[in-house]
C-alpha atoms as a PDB file:
ATOM      1  CA  MET A   1     -15.742 -24.328 -10.767  1.00  0.00           C
ATOM      2  CA  GLU A   2     -15.582 -26.007  -7.588  1.00  0.00           C
ATOM      3  CA  MET A   3     -12.357 -26.830  -5.559  1.00  0.00           C
ATOM      4  CA  GLN A   4     -13.837 -30.497  -5.458  1.00  0.00           C
ATOM      5  CA  GLN A   5     -13.869 -30.796  -9.062  1.00  0.00           C
ATOM      6  CA  VAL A   6     -10.464 -29.250  -9.474  1.00  0.00           C
ATOM      7  CA  ARG A   7      -9.064 -31.748  -6.731  1.00  0.00           C
ATOM      8  CA  TYR A   8     -10.654 -34.827  -8.573  1.00  0.00           C
ATOM      9  CA  PHE A   9      -9.116 -33.739 -11.971  1.00  0.00           C
ATOM     10  CA  LEU A  10      -5.603 -33.091 -10.244  1.00  0.00           C
ATOM     11  CA  ALA A  11      -5.710 -36.551  -8.721  1.00  0.00           C
ATOM     12  CA  VAL A  12      -6.329 -38.144 -12.279  1.00  0.00           C
ATOM     13  CA  ALA A  13      -3.929 -36.260 -13.769  1.00  0.00           C
ATOM     14  CA  ARG A  14      -1.415 -37.464 -11.243  1.00  0.00           C
ATOM     15  CA  THR A  15      -2.202 -40.956 -11.285  1.00  0.00           C
ATOM     16  CA  LEU A  16      -3.773 -41.187 -14.887  1.00  0.00           C
ATOM     17  CA  ASN A  17      -6.020 -43.964 -13.239  1.00  0.00           C
ATOM     18  CA  PHE A  18      -9.759 -43.208 -12.337  1.00  0.00           C
ATOM     19  CA  THR A  19      -9.923 -46.008  -9.641  1.00  0.00           C
ATOM     20  CA  ARG A  20      -6.753 -44.851  -7.745  1.00  0.00           C
ATOM     21  CA  ALA A  21      -7.900 -41.215  -7.975  1.00  0.00           C
ATOM     22  CA  ALA A  22     -11.144 -42.162  -6.483  1.00  0.00           C
ATOM     23  CA  GLU A  23      -9.563 -44.240  -3.735  1.00  0.00           C
ATOM     24  CA  GLU A  24      -7.255 -41.160  -3.136  1.00  0.00           C
ATOM     25  CA  CYS A  25      -9.989 -38.660  -3.065  1.00  0.00           C
ATOM     26  CA  ASN A  26     -12.205 -41.178  -0.890  1.00  0.00           C
ATOM     27  CA  VAL A  27     -15.014 -40.976  -3.292  1.00  0.00           C
ATOM     28  CA  THR A  28     -16.847 -43.525  -5.612  1.00  0.00           C
ATOM     29  CA  GLN A  29     -15.523 -43.594  -9.169  1.00  0.00           C
ATOM     30  CA  PRO A  30     -18.852 -42.546 -10.479  1.00  0.00           C
ATOM     31  CA  ALA A  31     -18.847 -39.370  -8.228  1.00  0.00           C
ATOM     32  CA  LEU A  32     -15.307 -38.738  -9.450  1.00  0.00           C
ATOM     33  CA  THR A  33     -16.168 -39.159 -13.009  1.00  0.00           C
ATOM     34  CA  ARG A  34     -19.279 -37.006 -12.915  1.00  0.00           C
ATOM     35  CA  ALA A  35     -17.268 -34.129 -11.178  1.00  0.00           C
ATOM     36  CA  ILE A  36     -14.648 -34.293 -14.002  1.00  0.00           C
ATOM     37  CA  LYS A  37     -17.352 -34.191 -16.733  1.00  0.00           C
ATOM     38  CA  GLN A  38     -18.830 -31.160 -15.180  1.00  0.00           C
ATOM     39  CA  LEU A  39     -15.390 -29.502 -14.928  1.00  0.00           C
ATOM     40  CA  GLU A  40     -15.028 -30.141 -18.742  1.00  0.00           C
ATOM     41  CA  ASP A  41     -18.234 -28.728 -19.537  1.00  0.00           C
ATOM     42  CA  GLU A  42     -17.426 -25.549 -18.031  1.00  0.00           C
ATOM     43  CA  LEU A  43     -14.135 -25.451 -19.492  1.00  0.00           C
ATOM     44  CA  GLY A  44     -15.496 -26.320 -22.806  1.00  0.00           C
ATOM     45  CA  GLY A  45     -13.486 -29.247 -23.656  1.00  0.00           C
ATOM     46  CA  GLU A  46     -12.355 -32.809 -22.848  1.00  0.00           C
ATOM     47  CA  LEU A  47      -9.671 -32.857 -20.219  1.00  0.00           C
ATOM     48  CA  ILE A  48      -8.901 -36.631 -19.810  1.00  0.00           C
ATOM     49  CA  ARG A  49      -9.400 -39.225 -22.654  1.00  0.00           C
ATOM     50  CA  ARG A  50      -9.835 -42.807 -21.400  1.00  0.00           C
ATOM     51  CA  GLU A  51      -8.719 -45.809 -23.606  1.00  0.00           C
ATOM     52  CA  GLY A  52      -9.591 -49.024 -21.871  1.00  0.00           C
ATOM     53  CA  ARG A  53      -7.718 -49.126 -18.675  1.00  0.00           C
ATOM     54  CA  ASN A  54      -5.173 -46.282 -19.804  1.00  0.00           C
ATOM     55  CA  SER A  55      -6.162 -42.565 -19.376  1.00  0.00           C
ATOM     56  CA  HIS A  56      -4.181 -39.624 -20.695  1.00  0.00           C
ATOM     57  CA  LEU A  57      -4.575 -35.903 -20.663  1.00  0.00           C
ATOM     58  CA  THR A  58      -5.690 -34.146 -23.725  1.00  0.00           C
ATOM     59  CA  ASP A  59      -4.221 -31.060 -25.176  1.00  0.00           C
ATOM     60  CA  LEU A  60      -6.477 -28.989 -23.210  1.00  0.00           C
ATOM     61  CA  GLY A  61      -5.990 -31.068 -20.011  1.00  0.00           C
ATOM     62  CA  ASN A  62      -2.136 -30.479 -20.043  1.00  0.00           C
ATOM     63  CA  ARG A  63      -2.658 -26.935 -20.447  1.00  0.00           C
ATOM     64  CA  MET A  64      -5.163 -26.500 -17.896  1.00  0.00           C
ATOM     65  CA  GLN A  65      -3.128 -28.782 -15.291  1.00  0.00           C
ATOM     66  CA  PRO A  66      -0.725 -26.124 -14.068  1.00  0.00           C
ATOM     67  CA  LEU A  67      -3.289 -23.393 -13.938  1.00  0.00           C
ATOM     68  CA  LEU A  68      -5.672 -25.417 -12.065  1.00  0.00           C
ATOM     69  CA  GLN A  69      -2.845 -26.733  -9.835  1.00  0.00           C
ATOM     70  CA  GLN A  70      -1.964 -23.266  -8.774  1.00  0.00           C
ATOM     71  CA  CYS A  71      -5.553 -22.280  -8.233  1.00  0.00           C
ATOM     72  CA  TYR A  72      -5.990 -25.208  -5.927  1.00  0.00           C
ATOM     73  CA  ASP A  73      -2.902 -24.598  -3.947  1.00  0.00           C
ATOM     74  CA  SER A  74      -3.972 -20.927  -3.567  1.00  0.00           C
ATOM     75  CA  ALA A  75      -7.251 -21.907  -2.243  1.00  0.00           C
ATOM     76  CA  ILE A  76      -5.566 -24.454   0.315  1.00  0.00           C
ATOM     77  CA  SER A  77      -3.325 -21.784   1.531  1.00  0.00           C
ATOM     78  CA  ALA A  78      -6.139 -19.150   1.975  1.00  0.00           C
ATOM     79  CA  LYS A  79      -8.262 -21.618   3.905  1.00  0.00           C
ATOM     80  CA  SER A  80      -5.208 -22.520   6.029  1.00  0.00           C
ATOM     81  CA  LEU A  81      -4.271 -18.654   6.631  1.00  0.00           C
ATOM     82  CA  ALA A  82      -7.937 -18.133   7.706  1.00  0.00           C
ATOM     83  CA  THR A  83      -8.076 -21.124  10.004  1.00  0.00           C
ATOM     84  CA  LYS A  84      -5.087 -19.780  11.626  1.00  0.00           C
ATOM     85  CA  LEU A  85      -6.072 -16.202  11.710  1.00  0.00           C
ATOM     86  CA  LYS A  86      -9.308 -17.671  13.372  1.00  0.00           C
ATOM     87  CA  LYS A  87      -7.541 -19.556  15.896  1.00  0.00           C
ATOM     88  CA  GLY A  88      -5.243 -16.458  16.913  1.00  0.00           C
ATOM     89  CA  GLU A  89      -2.027 -18.427  15.566  1.00  0.00           C
ATOM     90  CA  VAL A  90      -1.365 -15.567  12.957  1.00  0.00           C
ATOM     91  CA  ALA A  91      -1.562 -11.953  13.792  1.00  0.00           C
ATOM     92  CA  SER A  92      -2.566  -9.442  10.903  1.00  0.00           C
ATOM     93  CA  LEU A  93      -2.501  -5.809  11.007  1.00  0.00           C
ATOM     94  CA  ALA A  94      -3.770  -3.420   8.402  1.00  0.00           C
ATOM     95  CA  ILE A  95      -2.694   0.221   8.487  1.00  0.00           C
ATOM     96  CA  ALA A  96      -2.889   3.230   5.999  1.00  0.00           C
ATOM     97  CA  VAL A  97      -0.222   6.009   5.508  1.00  0.00           C
ATOM     98  CA  SER A  98      -0.533   9.283   3.824  1.00  0.00           C
ATOM     99  CA  TRP A  99       0.860   9.296   0.311  1.00  0.00           C
ATOM    100  CA  THR A 100       2.932  12.341   1.577  1.00  0.00           C
ATOM    101  CA  LEU A 101       4.410  10.817   4.697  1.00  0.00           C
ATOM    102  CA  ASP A 102       8.132   9.490   4.024  1.00  0.00           C
ATOM    103  CA  ILE A 103       7.735   5.859   5.474  1.00  0.00           C
ATOM    104  CA  ASP A 104      11.208   5.985   6.821  1.00  0.00           C
ATOM    105  CA  LEU A 105       9.519   8.134   9.606  1.00  0.00           C
ATOM    106  CA  LEU A 106       7.637   4.756  10.607  1.00  0.00           C
ATOM    107  CA  LEU A 107      10.364   2.307  10.225  1.00  0.00           C
ATOM    108  CA  GLY A 108      11.436   2.416  14.079  1.00  0.00           C
ATOM    109  CA  PRO A 109       7.762   1.634  15.432  1.00  0.00           C
ATOM    110  CA  LEU A 110       7.202  -0.681  12.791  1.00  0.00           C
ATOM    111  CA  ARG A 111      10.419  -2.643  13.372  1.00  0.00           C
ATOM    112  CA  GLU A 112       9.755  -2.807  17.219  1.00  0.00           C
ATOM    113  CA  LEU A 113       6.119  -4.106  16.438  1.00  0.00           C
ATOM    114  CA  VAL A 114       7.444  -6.774  14.111  1.00  0.00           C
ATOM    115  CA  LYS A 115      10.024  -7.883  16.799  1.00  0.00           C
ATOM    116  CA  SER A 116       7.327  -8.145  19.403  1.00  0.00           C
ATOM    117  CA  PHE A 117       4.835 -10.060  17.244  1.00  0.00           C
ATOM    118  CA  PRO A 118       7.032 -12.436  15.158  1.00  0.00           C
ATOM    119  CA  GLY A 119       4.992 -13.746  12.162  1.00  0.00           C
ATOM    120  CA  LEU A 120       2.752 -10.554  12.058  1.00  0.00           C
ATOM    121  CA  GLN A 121       0.815 -10.102   8.453  1.00  0.00           C
ATOM    122  CA  LEU A 122       1.480  -6.478   8.341  1.00  0.00           C
ATOM    123  CA  ARG A 123      -0.620  -4.842   5.360  1.00  0.00           C
ATOM    124  CA  LEU A 124       0.217  -1.269   4.506  1.00  0.00           C
ATOM    125  CA  ARG A 125      -1.782   0.976   2.278  1.00  0.00           C
ATOM    126  CA  ARG A 126      -1.292   4.354   0.741  1.00  0.00           C
ATOM    127  CA  GLY A 127      -3.929   6.981   0.058  1.00  0.00           C
ATOM    128  CA  ASP A 128      -5.018  10.690   0.327  1.00  0.00           C
ATOM    129  CA  ALA A 129      -7.155  12.093   3.089  1.00  0.00           C
ATOM    130  CA  ALA A 130     -10.381  11.082   1.473  1.00  0.00           C
ATOM    131  CA  ALA A 131      -9.169   7.527   0.882  1.00  0.00           C
ATOM    132  CA  ILE A 132      -7.884   7.163   4.161  1.00  0.00           C
ATOM    133  CA  ALA A 133     -10.890   8.145   5.863  1.00  0.00           C
ATOM    134  CA  ALA A 134     -12.934   5.786   3.744  1.00  0.00           C
ATOM    135  CA  MET A 135     -10.490   2.875   4.916  1.00  0.00           C
ATOM    136  CA  LEU A 136     -11.058   3.653   8.405  1.00  0.00           C
ATOM    137  CA  LYS A 137     -14.769   4.003   8.222  1.00  0.00           C
ATOM    138  CA  ASN A 138     -15.074   0.638   6.219  1.00  0.00           C
ATOM    139  CA  GLY A 139     -12.862  -1.226   8.956  1.00  0.00           C
ATOM    140  CA  ASP A 140     -10.337  -1.857   6.037  1.00  0.00           C
ATOM    141  CA  VAL A 141      -7.402  -0.588   8.391  1.00  0.00           C
ATOM    142  CA  GLU A 142      -7.234  -0.261  12.025  1.00  0.00           C
ATOM    143  CA  LEU A 143      -4.805   2.645  12.383  1.00  0.00           C
ATOM    144  CA  ALA A 144      -3.974   5.618   9.849  1.00  0.00           C
ATOM    145  CA  VAL A 145      -1.121   8.139   9.968  1.00  0.00           C
ATOM    146  CA  GLY A 146      -1.187  11.164   7.980  1.00  0.00           C
ATOM    147  CA  GLY A 147      -2.424  14.959   7.899  1.00  0.00           C
ATOM    148  CA  ALA A 148      -5.713  16.278   8.658  1.00  0.00           C
ATOM    149  CA  LEU A 149      -8.848  14.176   8.009  1.00  0.00           C
ATOM    150  CA  GLU A 150     -12.359  15.205   7.310  1.00  0.00           C
ATOM    151  CA  GLU A 151     -14.251  15.760  10.628  1.00  0.00           C
ATOM    152  CA  TRP A 152     -16.039  12.662  12.203  1.00  0.00           C
ATOM    153  CA  ASP A 153     -17.679  12.196  15.434  1.00  0.00           C
ATOM    154  CA  ARG A 154     -16.179   8.823  15.656  1.00  0.00           C
ATOM    155  CA  LEU A 155     -12.405   9.693  14.771  1.00  0.00           C
ATOM    156  CA  ASP A 156      -9.789   9.410  17.401  1.00  0.00           C
ATOM    157  CA  SER A 157      -6.764  11.302  16.746  1.00  0.00           C
ATOM    158  CA  TRP A 158      -3.261  11.486  18.401  1.00  0.00           C
ATOM    159  CA  PRO A 159      -0.998  14.433  16.958  1.00  0.00           C
ATOM    160  CA  MET A 160       2.525  13.224  16.225  1.00  0.00           C
ATOM    161  CA  PHE A 161       4.209  16.371  14.785  1.00  0.00           C
ATOM    162  CA  THR A 162       3.561  19.762  13.198  1.00  0.00           C
ATOM    163  CA  GLU A 163       5.346  20.582  10.004  1.00  0.00           C
ATOM    164  CA  SER A 164       5.408  23.549   7.329  1.00  0.00           C
ATOM    165  CA  PHE A 165       4.968  23.211   3.814  1.00  0.00           C
ATOM    166  CA  GLY A 166       8.043  24.425   1.651  1.00  0.00           C
ATOM    167  CA  VAL A 167       9.774  24.331  -1.724  1.00  0.00           C
ATOM    168  CA  LEU A 168      11.342  20.905  -2.819  1.00  0.00           C
ATOM    169  CA  VAL A 169      14.251  21.257  -5.272  1.00  0.00           C
ATOM    170  CA  GLY A 170      17.142  19.116  -6.375  1.00  0.00           C
ATOM    171  CA  ALA A 171      20.259  18.976  -4.434  1.00  0.00           C
ATOM    172  CA  SER A 172      22.129  20.674  -7.424  1.00  0.00           C
ATOM    173  CA  HIS A 173      19.483  23.103  -8.123  1.00  0.00           C
ATOM    174  CA  LYS A 174      20.357  26.951  -8.072  1.00  0.00           C
ATOM    175  CA  LEU A 175      17.910  27.623  -5.526  1.00  0.00           C
ATOM    176  CA  ALA A 176      19.549  25.090  -3.140  1.00  0.00           C
ATOM    177  CA  GLU A 177      22.933  27.044  -3.409  1.00  0.00           C
ATOM    178  CA  GLY A 178      23.995  29.321  -0.641  1.00  0.00           C
ATOM    179  CA  ASP A 179      22.973  29.686   2.981  1.00  0.00           C
ATOM    180  CA  MET A 180      19.699  31.479   2.518  1.00  0.00           C
ATOM    181  CA  PRO A 181      17.324  30.985   5.571  1.00  0.00           C
ATOM    182  CA  GLU A 182      14.271  31.535   3.186  1.00  0.00           C
ATOM    183  CA  LEU A 183      13.640  31.568  -0.441  1.00  0.00           C
ATOM    184  CA  ASP A 184      12.327  34.782  -1.970  1.00  0.00           C
ATOM    185  CA  VAL A 185       9.017  33.922  -3.348  1.00  0.00           C
ATOM    186  CA  ALA A 186       9.771  35.937  -6.594  1.00  0.00           C
ATOM    187  CA  LEU A 187      12.516  33.010  -7.168  1.00  0.00           C
ATOM    188  CA  VAL A 188      10.225  30.338  -6.882  1.00  0.00           C
ATOM    189  CA  ARG A 189       7.594  31.767  -9.170  1.00  0.00           C
ATOM    190  CA  GLU A 190      10.220  31.695 -11.995  1.00  0.00           C
ATOM    191  CA  GLU A 191      10.295  27.652 -11.784  1.00  0.00           C
ATOM    192  CA  ARG A 192       7.860  25.172 -13.291  1.00  0.00           C
ATOM    193  CA  LEU A 193       5.857  23.779 -10.373  1.00  0.00           C
ATOM    194  CA  LEU A 194       5.400  20.216 -10.041  1.00  0.00           C
ATOM    195  CA  SER A 195       2.027  19.440  -8.657  1.00  0.00           C
ATOM    196  CA  PHE A 196       1.225  16.073  -6.882  1.00  0.00           C
ATOM    197  CA  THR A 197      -2.321  15.536  -7.740  1.00  0.00           C
ATOM    198  CA  LEU A 198      -2.834  12.424  -5.622  1.00  0.00           C
ATOM    199  CA  PHE A 199      -2.372  13.502  -2.028  1.00  0.00           C
ATOM    200  CA  GLY A 200      -5.077  16.193  -1.803  1.00  0.00           C
ATOM    201  CA  GLU A 201      -3.121  19.193  -2.332  1.00  0.00           C
ATOM    202  CA  ASP A 202      -4.954  20.381  -5.416  1.00  0.00           C
ATOM    203  CA  ASP A 203      -6.056  23.412  -3.818  1.00  0.00           C
ATOM    204  CA  LEU A 204      -2.549  24.243  -3.123  1.00  0.00           C
ATOM    205  CA  ALA A 205      -1.637  23.951  -6.516  1.00  0.00           C
ATOM    206  CA  ALA A 206      -5.036  26.170  -7.461  1.00  0.00           C
ATOM    207  CA  GLN A 207      -3.642  28.805  -4.828  1.00  0.00           C
ATOM    208  CA  MET A 208      -0.177  28.948  -6.652  1.00  0.00           C
ATOM    209  CA  ARG A 209      -1.944  29.492  -9.866  1.00  0.00           C
ATOM    210  CA  SER A 210      -3.779  32.464  -8.665  1.00  0.00           C
ATOM    211  CA  GLU A 211      -1.474  33.961  -6.008  1.00  0.00           C
ATOM    212  CA  TRP A 212       1.722  33.345  -8.348  1.00  0.00           C
ATOM    213  CA  GLY A 213      -0.207  33.885 -11.593  1.00  0.00           C
ATOM    214  CA  LEU A 214       1.067  30.611 -13.010  1.00  0.00           C
ATOM    215  CA  GLY A 215      -0.388  29.482 -16.140  1.00  0.00           C
ATOM    216  CA  ASP A 216      -1.087  25.897 -17.031  1.00  0.00           C
ATOM    217  CA  ASP A 217       2.032  25.790 -19.091  1.00  0.00           C
ATOM    218  CA  ARG A 218       3.951  26.361 -15.812  1.00  0.00           C
ATOM    219  CA  ILE A 219       2.487  23.453 -13.995  1.00  0.00           C
ATOM    220  CA  LEU A 220       3.217  19.642 -14.365  1.00  0.00           C
ATOM    221  CA  GLU A 221       0.716  17.416 -12.873  1.00  0.00           C
ATOM    222  CA  VAL A 222       2.376  14.303 -11.291  1.00  0.00           C
ATOM    223  CA  HIS A 223       0.389  11.172 -10.100  1.00  0.00           C
ATOM    224  CA  CYS A 224       3.342   9.325  -8.409  1.00  0.00           C
ATOM    225  CA  SER A 225       5.597  10.310  -5.462  1.00  0.00           C
ATOM    226  CA  ARG A 226       8.422   8.270  -6.867  1.00  0.00           C
ATOM    227  CA  ASP A 227       8.162  10.117 -10.326  1.00  0.00           C
ATOM    228  CA  LEU A 228       8.042  13.370  -8.547  1.00  0.00           C
ATOM    229  CA  GLU A 229      11.077  12.741  -6.527  1.00  0.00           C
ATOM    230  CA  ARG A 230      13.132  11.844  -9.475  1.00  0.00           C
ATOM    231  CA  LEU A 231      11.817  14.840 -11.611  1.00  0.00           C
ATOM    232  CA  VAL A 232      12.587  17.424  -8.818  1.00  0.00           C
ATOM    233  CA  ALA A 233      15.747  15.674  -8.220  1.00  0.00           C
ATOM    234  CA  GLU A 234      16.626  15.735 -12.063  1.00  0.00           C
ATOM    235  CA  GLY A 235      15.816  19.613 -11.965  1.00  0.00           C
ATOM    236  CA  PHE A 236      12.289  19.392 -14.179  1.00  0.00           C
ATOM    237  CA  GLY A 237      10.812  21.798 -11.647  1.00  0.00           C
ATOM    238  CA  VAL A 238       9.955  22.309  -7.975  1.00  0.00           C
ATOM    239  CA  ALA A 239       7.426  21.353  -5.737  1.00  0.00           C
ATOM    240  CA  ILE A 240       5.607  22.665  -2.690  1.00  0.00           C
ATOM    241  CA  LEU A 241       5.489  19.766  -0.325  1.00  0.00           C
ATOM    242  CA  PRO A 242       5.213  19.177   3.494  1.00  0.00           C
ATOM    243  CA  ALA A 243       8.881  18.699   5.069  1.00  0.00           C
ATOM    244  CA  ASN A 244       8.548  14.818   5.581  1.00  0.00           C
ATOM    245  CA  ALA A 245       6.843  13.973   2.423  1.00  0.00           C
ATOM    246  CA  ILE A 246      10.153  13.082   0.529  1.00  0.00           C
ATOM    247  CA  ARG A 247      13.454  12.993   2.178  1.00  0.00           C
ATOM    248  CA  ASN A 248      16.609  11.742   0.632  1.00  0.00           C
ATOM    249  CA  ARG A 249      20.094  13.289  -0.316  1.00  0.00           C
ATOM    250  CA  ASN A 250      19.081  13.995  -3.821  1.00  0.00           C
ATOM    251  CA  VAL A 251      16.531  16.780  -3.020  1.00  0.00           C
ATOM    252  CA  ARG A 252      16.254  19.630  -0.559  1.00  0.00           C
ATOM    253  CA  HIS A 253      13.501  21.001   1.205  1.00  0.00           C
ATOM    254  CA  LEU A 254      13.524  25.032   1.790  1.00  0.00           C
ATOM    255  CA  SER A 255      11.404  27.531   3.445  1.00  0.00           C
ATOM    256  CA  CYS A 256       9.900  30.076   1.552  1.00  0.00           C
ATOM    257  CA  ALA A 257       8.529  33.347   2.869  1.00  0.00           C
ATOM    258  CA  GLY A 258       5.464  33.108   0.568  1.00  0.00           C
ATOM    259  CA  ILE A 259       4.241  29.773   1.922  1.00  0.00           C
ATOM    260  CA  ALA A 260       2.628  29.992   5.142  1.00  0.00           C
ATOM    261  CA  THR A 261       0.825  26.410   4.863  1.00  0.00           C
ATOM    262  CA  GLU A 262       1.311  23.937   7.626  1.00  0.00           C
ATOM    263  CA  ARG A 263      -0.266  20.567   8.718  1.00  0.00           C
ATOM    264  CA  THR A 264      -0.171  18.283  11.789  1.00  0.00           C
ATOM    265  CA  VAL A 265       0.618  14.587  10.960  1.00  0.00           C
ATOM    266  CA  ALA A 266      -1.411  12.314  13.559  1.00  0.00           C
ATOM    267  CA  VAL A 267      -2.282   8.718  14.220  1.00  0.00           C
ATOM    268  CA  TYR A 268      -6.024   7.996  13.686  1.00  0.00           C
ATOM    269  CA  SER A 269      -8.262   5.465  15.009  1.00  0.00           C
ATOM    270  CA  VAL A 270     -11.991   4.777  14.966  1.00  0.00           C
ATOM    271  CA  ALA A 271     -13.301   5.640  18.783  1.00  0.00           C
ATOM    272  CA  GLY A 272     -15.530   2.478  19.928  1.00  0.00           C
ATOM    273  CA  ARG A 273     -14.152   0.118  17.740  1.00  0.00           C
ATOM    274  CA  GLN A 274     -12.307  -2.646  19.472  1.00  0.00           C
ATOM    275  CA  ARG A 275      -8.530  -2.619  18.434  1.00  0.00           C
ATOM    276  CA  SER A 276      -6.183  -5.580  18.204  1.00  0.00           C
ATOM    277  CA  LYS A 277      -3.470  -5.979  20.471  1.00  0.00           C
ATOM    278  CA  GLU A 278      -1.205  -5.367  17.505  1.00  0.00           C
ATOM    279  CA  ALA A 279      -2.781  -2.141  16.900  1.00  0.00           C
ATOM    280  CA  ASN A 280      -2.688  -0.899  20.578  1.00  0.00           C
ATOM    281  CA  ALA A 281       1.013  -1.734  20.345  1.00  0.00           C
ATOM    282  CA  LEU A 282       1.693   0.074  17.404  1.00  0.00           C
ATOM    283  CA  LEU A 283      -0.455   3.091  18.546  1.00  0.00           C
ATOM    284  CA  ASN A 284       1.650   3.109  21.667  1.00  0.00           C
ATOM    285  CA  LEU A 285       4.860   2.967  19.947  1.00  0.00           C
ATOM    286  CA  LEU A 286       4.004   5.955  17.764  1.00  0.00           C
ATOM    287  CA  ARG A 287       2.686   7.898  20.674  1.00  0.00           C
ATOM    288  CA  ALA A 288       5.569   7.415  22.884  1.00  0.00           C
ATOM    289  CA  THR A 289       8.113   8.393  20.073  1.00  0.00           C
ATOM    290  CA  ASP A 290       9.945  11.908  20.631  1.00  0.00           C
ATOM    291  CA  TRP A 291       9.081  13.198  17.218  1.00  0.00           C
ATOM    292  CA  ASP A 292      10.921  16.459  17.826  1.00  0.00           C
ATOM    293  CA  SER A 293      14.113  14.635  18.655  1.00  0.00           C
ATOM    294  CA  ARG A 294      13.493  12.209  15.820  1.00  0.00           C
ATOM    295  CA  LEU A 295      12.983  14.802  13.144  1.00  0.00           C
ATOM    296  CA  SER A 296      15.763  16.950  14.394  1.00  0.00           C
ATOM    297  CA  GLU A 297      18.221  13.810  14.172  1.00  0.00           C
ATOM    298  CA  ASP A 298      16.905  13.014  10.737  1.00  0.00           C
ATOM    299  CA  ALA A 299      17.451  16.823   9.667  1.00  0.00           C
ATOM    300  CA  LEU A 300      21.161  16.649  10.590  1.00  0.00           C
ATOM    301  CA  HIS A 301      21.659  13.427   8.810  1.00  0.00           C
ATOM    302  CA  ALA A 302      20.250  14.803   5.695  1.00  0.00           C
ATOM    303  CA  ALA A 303      22.228  17.823   5.847  1.00  0.00           C
END
C-alpha cells in the first residue's frame, strides 16, 4: 500500500467525484482510477462504486476511510517532523535510565534542560545494565544514567554518587518501628523476600538464598517496579534495593548489618561519538549537581 493510493482514495471519498478528486490531487483521472483499483486489489474488495456521474463508498470503503485517514495523517506528521529534525527546527534527545533509579532524582536537571530547549522531543527509556549498554552501543540513546555497566573501551562515565543497598519495608511494617540504626539480619531473614528480577540483581537474590538459607517459597519474583513498591508498602514482604531505587512516604529504606553491597550511580556516554548540544547540556547539568546535598535534602523531606 502506497501513501499516494491512500491520498487518491481519500480525495474521492471526500468529493465523491473522480474528476474533482483528480484535479485536487493534480493527476490525470486514469492515473487516479488506476491507483485506487490497485488499492482495492490489496484490500480485497471494492471501495468506491461508480454509477454514472455519481459515486459512493461501499461498506468496505466506509469502514476503511477513517483507518486510512489516520494512516495518512500519521505519515504526513512523521514526514513533517523528520523535515524539521533535519533542518534543526526540532531538537530530540534520547536517554536511558536504570530501572532502579527514582526518576525524581533527575527532575531538576530535566526541568532546566526543557526550559533551555523549548519544544525538545525528550525520549526516556528504562532498562537493566545489559539493556542500557546495548542502547548506548547501538546509538539508540545519547546518555544513560544508572549503576555499573559492562566494561567497554569506548564507554565514558562520570560518577554522580555512591549508595548502599538496604532493606525496603512498608512504612507501617514492624521492622520500620523504633530507632534502630541498623537492622539485625536475623529479623530480615524471617521475612518474605521480594526479588525485582528486571534490574539485574538476580545475583543478589541468589546470594540471599545461599547466605540466608531462603527457600523458593520465601522469595516472590516481581517484574515491575510499581508492583514491587505496592507489595512492599502493603506488607507482602521486604526487598533488598539501592537506597534511591524507590522513594516515597509509603516505604522505608533501612540499613542492615548483613548487607554490604553498594553501587555507584553514573552518567554514561560513548567516547568519540559526537553528542548533540542538548545531550551536552544535560550532561553538564548532571555533573554540576551537588548530589550529596541533594540526597541529604531528600532524606530529610522523606523522614
